[in-house]
Amino acid sequence: MTFVIILLSVRNLLLTASAVAPVKLDLGPADAKPAAGYHRVSESTKYDKKLGYGWLAIPDAKPMARKEPADQRGDAIAGHQYAEMRIDIPDGLYRLTLQVGDVDSDEYSLNLDIDGLRVLTRLHTRKREFATVRITTAVQEGRLRITFCSDTENWMVSSITVEPIQEDEPRTISRTVLPKSGQ
């Protein structure tokens, strides 16, 4: 009998999550226009319950404005110390997607914690290379806490997407290198 109740609870959790709209956050300067379908998150976007997202801690953030690529990867937030973001979202299973990289530099390295658990270590991109990281996470207590930090004290993130999924997926990291301007 207990087994049936647990299965029904997990099924209800998945059904609840699947009805949730994705959260799409484009990180960068406050005055920059976000990519289509994304919400702008700047270094000054403190967590706000009404918004349902924002920074809990971001001691030394630096907004980065880039002209290319002209999508959610163009702008970014970079930092030297740890930074923590909160996203309010119903309990369930989600795909967390991050866009990381820079057209001008290869000096960034990213470690990522989700709700206090290290899920990514030392993601490094070359100049003009962008990495798309996809990680499955189970949200509990209606919130997702994402911590950005770096062993080299220099991290950068361009965008965050959180979308509901029905079953666990393997973690993936795909990379794209942009051609030089004019090519």
Protein backbone atom coordinates (compact mmCIF):
# COMPACT_ATOMS: atom_id res chain seq x y z
CA MET A 1 0.00 0.00 0.00
CA THR A 2 2.83 2.42 0.84
CA PHE A 3 4.44 1.70 -2.53
CA VAL A 4 1.28 2.77 -4.42
CA ILE A 5 1.07 6.04 -2.48
CA ILE A 6 4.71 6.87 -3.27
CA LEU A 7 4.18 6.15 -6.98
CA LEU A 8 1.08 8.35 -7.04
CA SER A 9 3.00 11.14 -5.29
CA VAL A 10 5.83 10.99 -7.84
CA ARG A 11 3.30 10.89 -10.71
CA ASN A 12 1.50 13.96 -9.29
CA LEU A 13 4.84 15.76 -8.88
CA LEU A 14 5.68 15.13 -12.55
CA LEU A 15 2.23 16.19 -13.74
CA THR A 16 2.46 19.41 -11.70
CA ALA A 17 5.88 20.26 -13.15
CA SER A 18 4.84 19.51 -16.74
CA ALA A 19 2.12 22.20 -16.55
CA VAL A 20 4.67 24.90 -15.63
CA ALA A 21 5.93 27.40 -18.22
CA PRO A 22 9.72 27.48 -18.67
CA VAL A 23 11.67 30.20 -16.85
CA LYS A 24 14.06 31.95 -19.28
CA LEU A 25 16.58 34.41 -17.86
CA ASP A 26 19.00 36.46 -19.97
CA LEU A 27 21.85 37.72 -17.77
CA GLY A 28 23.57 41.02 -18.53
CA PRO A 29 23.48 44.80 -18.11
CA ALA A 30 20.20 46.27 -16.82
CA ASP A 31 19.87 48.59 -19.82
CA ALA A 32 20.40 45.87 -22.45
CA LYS A 33 17.40 44.38 -24.20
CA PRO A 34 16.88 40.71 -23.31
CA ALA A 35 16.72 38.05 -26.01
CA ALA A 36 13.23 37.31 -27.36
CA GLY A 37 11.18 35.35 -24.82
CA TYR A 38 13.67 35.93 -21.98
CA HIS A 39 13.55 38.11 -18.85
CA ARG A 40 16.53 40.39 -18.15
CA VAL A 41 18.50 39.66 -14.98
CA SER A 42 21.21 42.20 -14.18
CA GLU A 43 23.73 42.28 -11.37
CA SER A 44 21.22 44.36 -9.39
CA THR A 45 18.24 41.99 -9.77
CA LYS A 46 17.89 40.98 -6.13
CA TYR A 47 15.59 38.07 -5.33
CA ASP A 48 11.99 39.26 -5.24
CA LYS A 49 9.14 36.95 -4.31
CA LYS A 50 6.84 38.75 -6.80
CA LEU A 51 9.31 38.17 -9.64
CA GLY A 52 10.00 34.64 -8.47
CA TYR A 53 13.73 34.90 -9.17
CA GLY A 54 16.82 36.96 -8.48
CA TRP A 55 20.18 37.04 -6.75
CA LEU A 56 20.43 36.06 -3.08
CA ALA A 57 24.13 36.91 -3.07
CA ILE A 58 26.30 38.44 -5.78
CA PRO A 59 29.11 40.37 -4.10
CA ASP A 60 31.22 41.44 -7.08
CA ALA A 61 29.22 40.94 -10.26
CA LYS A 62 30.23 42.59 -13.49
CA PRO A 63 27.71 42.94 -16.33
CA MET A 64 29.16 42.16 -19.74
CA ALA A 65 27.65 43.71 -22.89
CA ARG A 66 28.57 42.02 -26.15
CA LYS A 67 27.35 42.75 -29.67
CA GLU A 68 27.67 39.11 -30.68
CA PRO A 69 26.18 36.65 -30.75
CA ALA A 70 22.87 38.51 -31.05
CA ASP A 71 20.92 36.12 -28.82
CA GLN A 72 20.82 35.11 -25.15
CA ARG A 73 24.53 34.25 -25.25
CA GLY A 74 25.65 37.80 -26.11
CA ASP A 75 25.41 39.50 -22.72
CA ALA A 76 26.51 37.94 -19.45
CA ILE A 77 27.22 38.38 -15.77
CA ALA A 78 30.73 37.60 -14.54
CA GLY A 79 32.17 37.46 -11.05
CA HIS A 80 35.17 36.51 -8.94
CA GLN A 81 33.38 35.40 -5.77
CA TYR A 82 30.51 32.96 -5.40
CA ALA A 83 27.04 34.16 -6.42
CA GLU A 84 23.73 32.54 -5.58
CA MET A 85 20.46 32.83 -7.49
CA ARG A 86 17.01 31.65 -6.45
CA ILE A 87 14.23 30.68 -8.82
CA ASP A 88 10.78 29.90 -7.40
CA ILE A 89 9.16 27.06 -9.32
CA PRO A 90 6.75 24.26 -8.33
CA ASP A 91 8.20 20.97 -7.13
CA GLY A 92 9.03 18.59 -9.96
CA LEU A 93 11.67 17.42 -12.38
CA TYR A 94 13.36 20.08 -14.56
CA ARG A 95 16.05 20.57 -17.17
CA LEU A 96 18.39 23.41 -16.19
CA THR A 97 20.18 24.86 -19.23
CA LEU A 98 23.04 27.33 -18.93
CA GLN A 99 24.82 29.23 -21.71
CA VAL A 100 28.47 29.98 -20.94
CA GLY A 101 31.20 31.62 -23.03
CA ASP A 102 32.64 34.85 -24.36
CA VAL A 103 33.65 36.21 -27.76
CA ASP A 104 36.50 38.26 -26.27
CA SER A 105 38.13 36.06 -23.64
CA ASP A 106 39.03 32.53 -22.57
CA GLU A 107 39.78 33.35 -18.95
CA TYR A 108 36.52 32.10 -17.39
CA SER A 109 35.97 28.82 -15.56
CA LEU A 110 32.68 27.76 -13.96
CA ASN A 111 31.74 25.54 -11.05
CA LEU A 112 28.02 25.05 -10.47
CA ASP A 113 26.10 23.97 -7.38
CA ILE A 114 22.39 23.21 -7.33
CA ASP A 115 20.79 23.33 -3.89
CA GLY A 116 24.22 22.92 -2.30
CA LEU A 117 25.35 19.95 -4.42
CA ARG A 118 28.27 20.42 -6.85
CA VAL A 119 27.01 19.32 -10.30
CA LEU A 120 29.65 20.88 -12.57
CA THR A 121 33.35 21.52 -12.02
CA ARG A 122 35.79 23.62 -14.04
CA LEU A 123 33.82 24.24 -17.22
CA HIS A 124 36.20 26.28 -19.35
CA THR A 125 35.56 27.74 -22.81
CA ARG A 126 38.01 29.13 -25.35
CA LYS A 127 37.70 32.58 -26.93
CA ARG A 128 34.60 32.66 -29.21
CA GLU A 129 33.44 29.28 -27.85
CA PHE A 130 30.08 28.85 -26.14
CA ALA A 131 29.01 25.88 -24.05
CA THR A 132 25.42 24.82 -23.50
CA VAL A 133 25.10 22.81 -20.29
CA ARG A 134 21.96 20.74 -19.63
CA ILE A 135 21.43 19.20 -16.19
CA THR A 136 18.38 17.45 -14.73
CA THR A 137 17.35 18.59 -11.27
CA ALA A 138 14.48 17.80 -8.93
CA VAL A 139 12.98 20.90 -7.36
CA GLN A 140 11.77 20.57 -3.79
CA GLU A 141 10.14 23.09 -1.48
CA GLY A 142 9.20 25.28 -4.47
CA ARG A 143 12.63 26.76 -5.07
CA LEU A 144 15.83 26.17 -6.97
CA ARG A 145 19.10 27.60 -5.64
CA ILE A 146 21.92 27.91 -8.14
CA THR A 147 25.44 28.85 -7.01
CA PHE A 148 28.10 30.04 -9.46
CA CYS A 149 31.76 30.03 -8.47
CA SER A 150 35.19 29.25 -9.90
CA ASP A 151 38.47 27.67 -8.86
CA THR A 152 40.18 30.49 -10.79
CA GLU A 153 37.89 33.09 -9.17
CA ASN A 154 36.53 34.12 -12.56
CA TRP A 155 33.13 32.76 -13.69
CA MET A 156 30.66 33.91 -16.35
CA VAL A 157 27.08 32.94 -17.32
CA SER A 158 24.96 34.30 -20.18
CA SER A 159 21.56 32.68 -19.70
CA ILE A 160 19.57 30.27 -17.56
CA THR A 161 16.54 28.27 -18.66
CA VAL A 162 14.52 26.01 -16.37
CA GLU A 163 11.90 23.84 -18.06
CA PRO A 164 9.80 20.90 -16.85
CA ILE A 165 10.59 17.39 -18.08
CA GLN A 166 8.93 14.01 -17.57
CA GLU A 167 11.96 11.81 -16.93
CA ASP A 168 15.61 12.07 -15.97
CA GLU A 169 18.00 13.02 -18.77
CA PRO A 170 21.77 12.62 -18.97
CA ARG A 171 23.87 15.72 -18.34
CA THR A 172 25.18 17.14 -21.61
CA ILE A 173 27.64 19.85 -22.56
CA SER A 174 27.66 20.93 -26.20
CA ARG A 175 30.07 23.48 -27.62
CA THR A 176 29.80 25.95 -30.49
CA VAL A 177 32.65 28.08 -31.84
CA LEU A 178 31.59 31.31 -33.53
CA PRO A 179 33.41 32.31 -36.70
CA LYS A 180 35.36 35.54 -36.49
CA SER A 181 33.43 38.66 -37.51
CA GLY A 182 33.45 39.18 -41.25
CA GLN A 183 33.96 35.49 -42.09
